[in-house]
Amino acid sequence: MKVGKFRPEFLGKLSAYVGLVDAEVRDPAKHVPTIGILLCTSKNEAVVRFTLANASSALGVADYEGLPAVEELRSAVTPGRATVSKEPGPARTAG
């Protein structure tokens, strides 16, 4: 998912991820080929169409109107509001 307008380079990265999953994770005997779906806050249909024209992987682009703008996300996550631990906590086990 990308918070912002679609850019053609997003599909290059998504295609790389799909290829990695197909090569390293997917078992062809058990799973169908991986598909990649990119969600963006907006898209230009012509740019998406031309970018997808020569894609070798199953990729799709959709816009999602519910995503907040980048500025809204930046203002919501400020150093005083959120803390991120640098040290991982102890592993939890079920049971």
C-alpha atoms as a PDB file:
ATOM      1  CA  MET A   1       0.000   0.000   0.000  1.00  0.00           C
ATOM      2  CA  LYS A   2       1.313   3.440  -0.895  1.00  0.00           C
ATOM      3  CA  VAL A   3       0.046   6.607   0.710  1.00  0.00           C
ATOM      4  CA  GLY A   4       0.149   8.984  -2.208  1.00  0.00           C
ATOM      5  CA  LYS A   5      -0.416   9.191  -5.932  1.00  0.00           C
ATOM      6  CA  PHE A   6       0.599   6.208  -8.094  1.00  0.00           C
ATOM      7  CA  ARG A   7       4.094   6.379  -9.584  1.00  0.00           C
ATOM      8  CA  PRO A   8       5.359   3.876 -12.192  1.00  0.00           C
ATOM      9  CA  GLU A   9       8.365   2.896 -10.052  1.00  0.00           C
ATOM     10  CA  PHE A  10       5.956   1.445  -7.461  1.00  0.00           C
ATOM     11  CA  LEU A  11       5.142  -1.376  -9.887  1.00  0.00           C
ATOM     12  CA  GLY A  12       8.815  -2.202 -10.373  1.00  0.00           C
ATOM     13  CA  LYS A  13       9.217  -2.730  -6.648  1.00  0.00           C
ATOM     14  CA  LEU A  14       5.954  -4.697  -6.403  1.00  0.00           C
ATOM     15  CA  SER A  15       7.041  -6.894  -9.315  1.00  0.00           C
ATOM     16  CA  ALA A  16      10.303  -7.642  -7.509  1.00  0.00           C
ATOM     17  CA  TYR A  17       8.399  -8.650  -4.356  1.00  0.00           C
ATOM     18  CA  VAL A  18       6.053 -10.894  -6.345  1.00  0.00           C
ATOM     19  CA  GLY A  19       9.027 -12.529  -8.063  1.00  0.00           C
ATOM     20  CA  LEU A  20      10.739 -13.099  -4.718  1.00  0.00           C
ATOM     21  CA  VAL A  21       7.642 -14.731  -3.211  1.00  0.00           C
ATOM     22  CA  ASP A  22       7.209 -16.940  -6.283  1.00  0.00           C
ATOM     23  CA  ALA A  23      10.854 -18.020  -6.222  1.00  0.00           C
ATOM     24  CA  GLU A  24      11.436 -18.428  -2.487  1.00  0.00           C
ATOM     25  CA  VAL A  25       8.095 -19.009  -0.764  1.00  0.00           C
ATOM     26  CA  ARG A  26       5.479 -20.357  -3.162  1.00  0.00           C
ATOM     27  CA  ASP A  27       5.307 -24.094  -3.744  1.00  0.00           C
ATOM     28  CA  PRO A  28       4.101 -24.553  -7.361  1.00  0.00           C
ATOM     29  CA  ALA A  29       2.601 -27.933  -6.425  1.00  0.00           C
ATOM     30  CA  LYS A  30       0.375 -26.310  -3.779  1.00  0.00           C
ATOM     31  CA  HIS A  31      -0.095 -22.665  -4.739  1.00  0.00           C
ATOM     32  CA  VAL A  32      -1.213 -20.686  -7.753  1.00  0.00           C
ATOM     33  CA  PRO A  33       1.146 -17.921  -8.982  1.00  0.00           C
ATOM     34  CA  THR A  34       1.407 -14.882  -6.727  1.00  0.00           C
ATOM     35  CA  ILE A  35      -0.469 -11.716  -7.628  1.00  0.00           C
ATOM     36  CA  GLY A  36       0.473  -8.213  -6.567  1.00  0.00           C
ATOM     37  CA  ILE A  37      -2.092  -5.544  -5.740  1.00  0.00           C
ATOM     38  CA  LEU A  38      -0.973  -1.958  -5.223  1.00  0.00           C
ATOM     39  CA  LEU A  39      -3.291   0.440  -3.399  1.00  0.00           C
ATOM     40  CA  CYS A  40      -2.699   4.184  -3.839  1.00  0.00           C
ATOM     41  CA  THR A  41      -4.651   7.275  -2.849  1.00  0.00           C
ATOM     42  CA  SER A  42      -5.003   8.230  -6.530  1.00  0.00           C
ATOM     43  CA  LYS A  43      -3.961   7.078  -9.974  1.00  0.00           C
ATOM     44  CA  ASN A  44      -3.898   8.243 -13.568  1.00  0.00           C
ATOM     45  CA  GLU A  45      -5.538   5.494 -15.643  1.00  0.00           C
ATOM     46  CA  ALA A  46      -3.344   6.123 -18.706  1.00  0.00           C
ATOM     47  CA  VAL A  47      -0.102   6.011 -16.694  1.00  0.00           C
ATOM     48  CA  VAL A  48      -1.207   2.776 -15.002  1.00  0.00           C
ATOM     49  CA  ARG A  49      -2.238   1.201 -18.326  1.00  0.00           C
ATOM     50  CA  PHE A  50       1.103   1.982 -19.989  1.00  0.00           C
ATOM     51  CA  THR A  51       3.075   0.904 -16.928  1.00  0.00           C
ATOM     52  CA  LEU A  52       1.262  -2.451 -16.774  1.00  0.00           C
ATOM     53  CA  ALA A  53       1.457  -3.046 -20.558  1.00  0.00           C
ATOM     54  CA  ASN A  54       4.652  -5.137 -20.393  1.00  0.00           C
ATOM     55  CA  ALA A  55       4.393  -6.519 -16.879  1.00  0.00           C
ATOM     56  CA  SER A  56       5.335 -10.199 -16.714  1.00  0.00           C
ATOM     57  CA  SER A  57       3.733 -10.757 -13.268  1.00  0.00           C
ATOM     58  CA  ALA A  58       0.054 -10.598 -12.352  1.00  0.00           C
ATOM     59  CA  LEU A  59      -0.128  -7.043 -10.988  1.00  0.00           C
ATOM     60  CA  GLY A  60      -3.009  -4.668 -10.358  1.00  0.00           C
ATOM     61  CA  VAL A  61      -3.389  -1.062  -9.241  1.00  0.00           C
ATOM     62  CA  ALA A  62      -6.381   0.351  -7.408  1.00  0.00           C
ATOM     63  CA  ASP A  63      -7.040   3.675  -5.796  1.00  0.00           C
ATOM     64  CA  TYR A  64      -8.405   3.752  -2.304  1.00  0.00           C
ATOM     65  CA  GLU A  65     -10.224   6.878  -1.274  1.00  0.00           C
ATOM     66  CA  GLY A  66     -10.092   6.101   2.434  1.00  0.00           C
ATOM     67  CA  LEU A  67      -6.327   6.474   2.716  1.00  0.00           C
ATOM     68  CA  PRO A  68      -5.268   9.661   4.479  1.00  0.00           C
ATOM     69  CA  ALA A  69      -2.979  12.144   2.792  1.00  0.00           C
ATOM     70  CA  VAL A  70       0.741  11.920   3.550  1.00  0.00           C
ATOM     71  CA  GLU A  71       0.621  15.207   5.476  1.00  0.00           C
ATOM     72  CA  GLU A  72      -2.119  13.851   7.755  1.00  0.00           C
ATOM     73  CA  LEU A  73      -0.057  10.750   8.550  1.00  0.00           C
ATOM     74  CA  ARG A  74       3.071  12.777   9.251  1.00  0.00           C
ATOM     75  CA  SER A  75       1.239  15.080  11.637  1.00  0.00           C
ATOM     76  CA  ALA A  76      -0.412  12.125  13.391  1.00  0.00           C
ATOM     77  CA  VAL A  77       2.915  10.414  14.096  1.00  0.00           C
ATOM     78  CA  THR A  78       5.201  12.876  15.817  1.00  0.00           C
ATOM     79  CA  PRO A  79       8.089  12.088  18.197  1.00  0.00           C
ATOM     80  CA  GLY A  80       6.027  13.062  21.248  1.00  0.00           C
ATOM     81  CA  ARG A  81       3.044  10.898  20.351  1.00  0.00           C
ATOM     82  CA  ALA A  82       4.587   7.570  19.451  1.00  0.00           C
ATOM     83  CA  THR A  83       7.441   5.660  20.973  1.00  0.00           C
ATOM     84  CA  VAL A  84       9.252   2.854  19.260  1.00  0.00           C
ATOM     85  CA  SER A  85      11.278   0.418  21.302  1.00  0.00           C
ATOM     86  CA  LYS A  86      14.740  -0.297  19.938  1.00  0.00           C
ATOM     87  CA  GLU A  87      15.033  -3.512  21.924  1.00  0.00           C
ATOM     88  CA  PRO A  88      12.717  -6.409  21.101  1.00  0.00           C
ATOM     89  CA  GLY A  89      10.662  -7.698  23.989  1.00  0.00           C
ATOM     90  CA  PRO A  90      10.650 -11.301  25.160  1.00  0.00           C
ATOM     91  CA  ALA A  91       9.058 -13.823  22.855  1.00  0.00           C
ATOM     92  CA  ARG A  92       5.566 -14.843  23.817  1.00  0.00           C
ATOM     93  CA  THR A  93       4.402 -18.401  23.498  1.00  0.00           C
ATOM     94  CA  ALA A  94       0.863 -19.634  23.145  1.00  0.00           C
ATOM     95  CA  GLY A  95      -0.407 -21.952  25.760  1.00  0.00           C
END
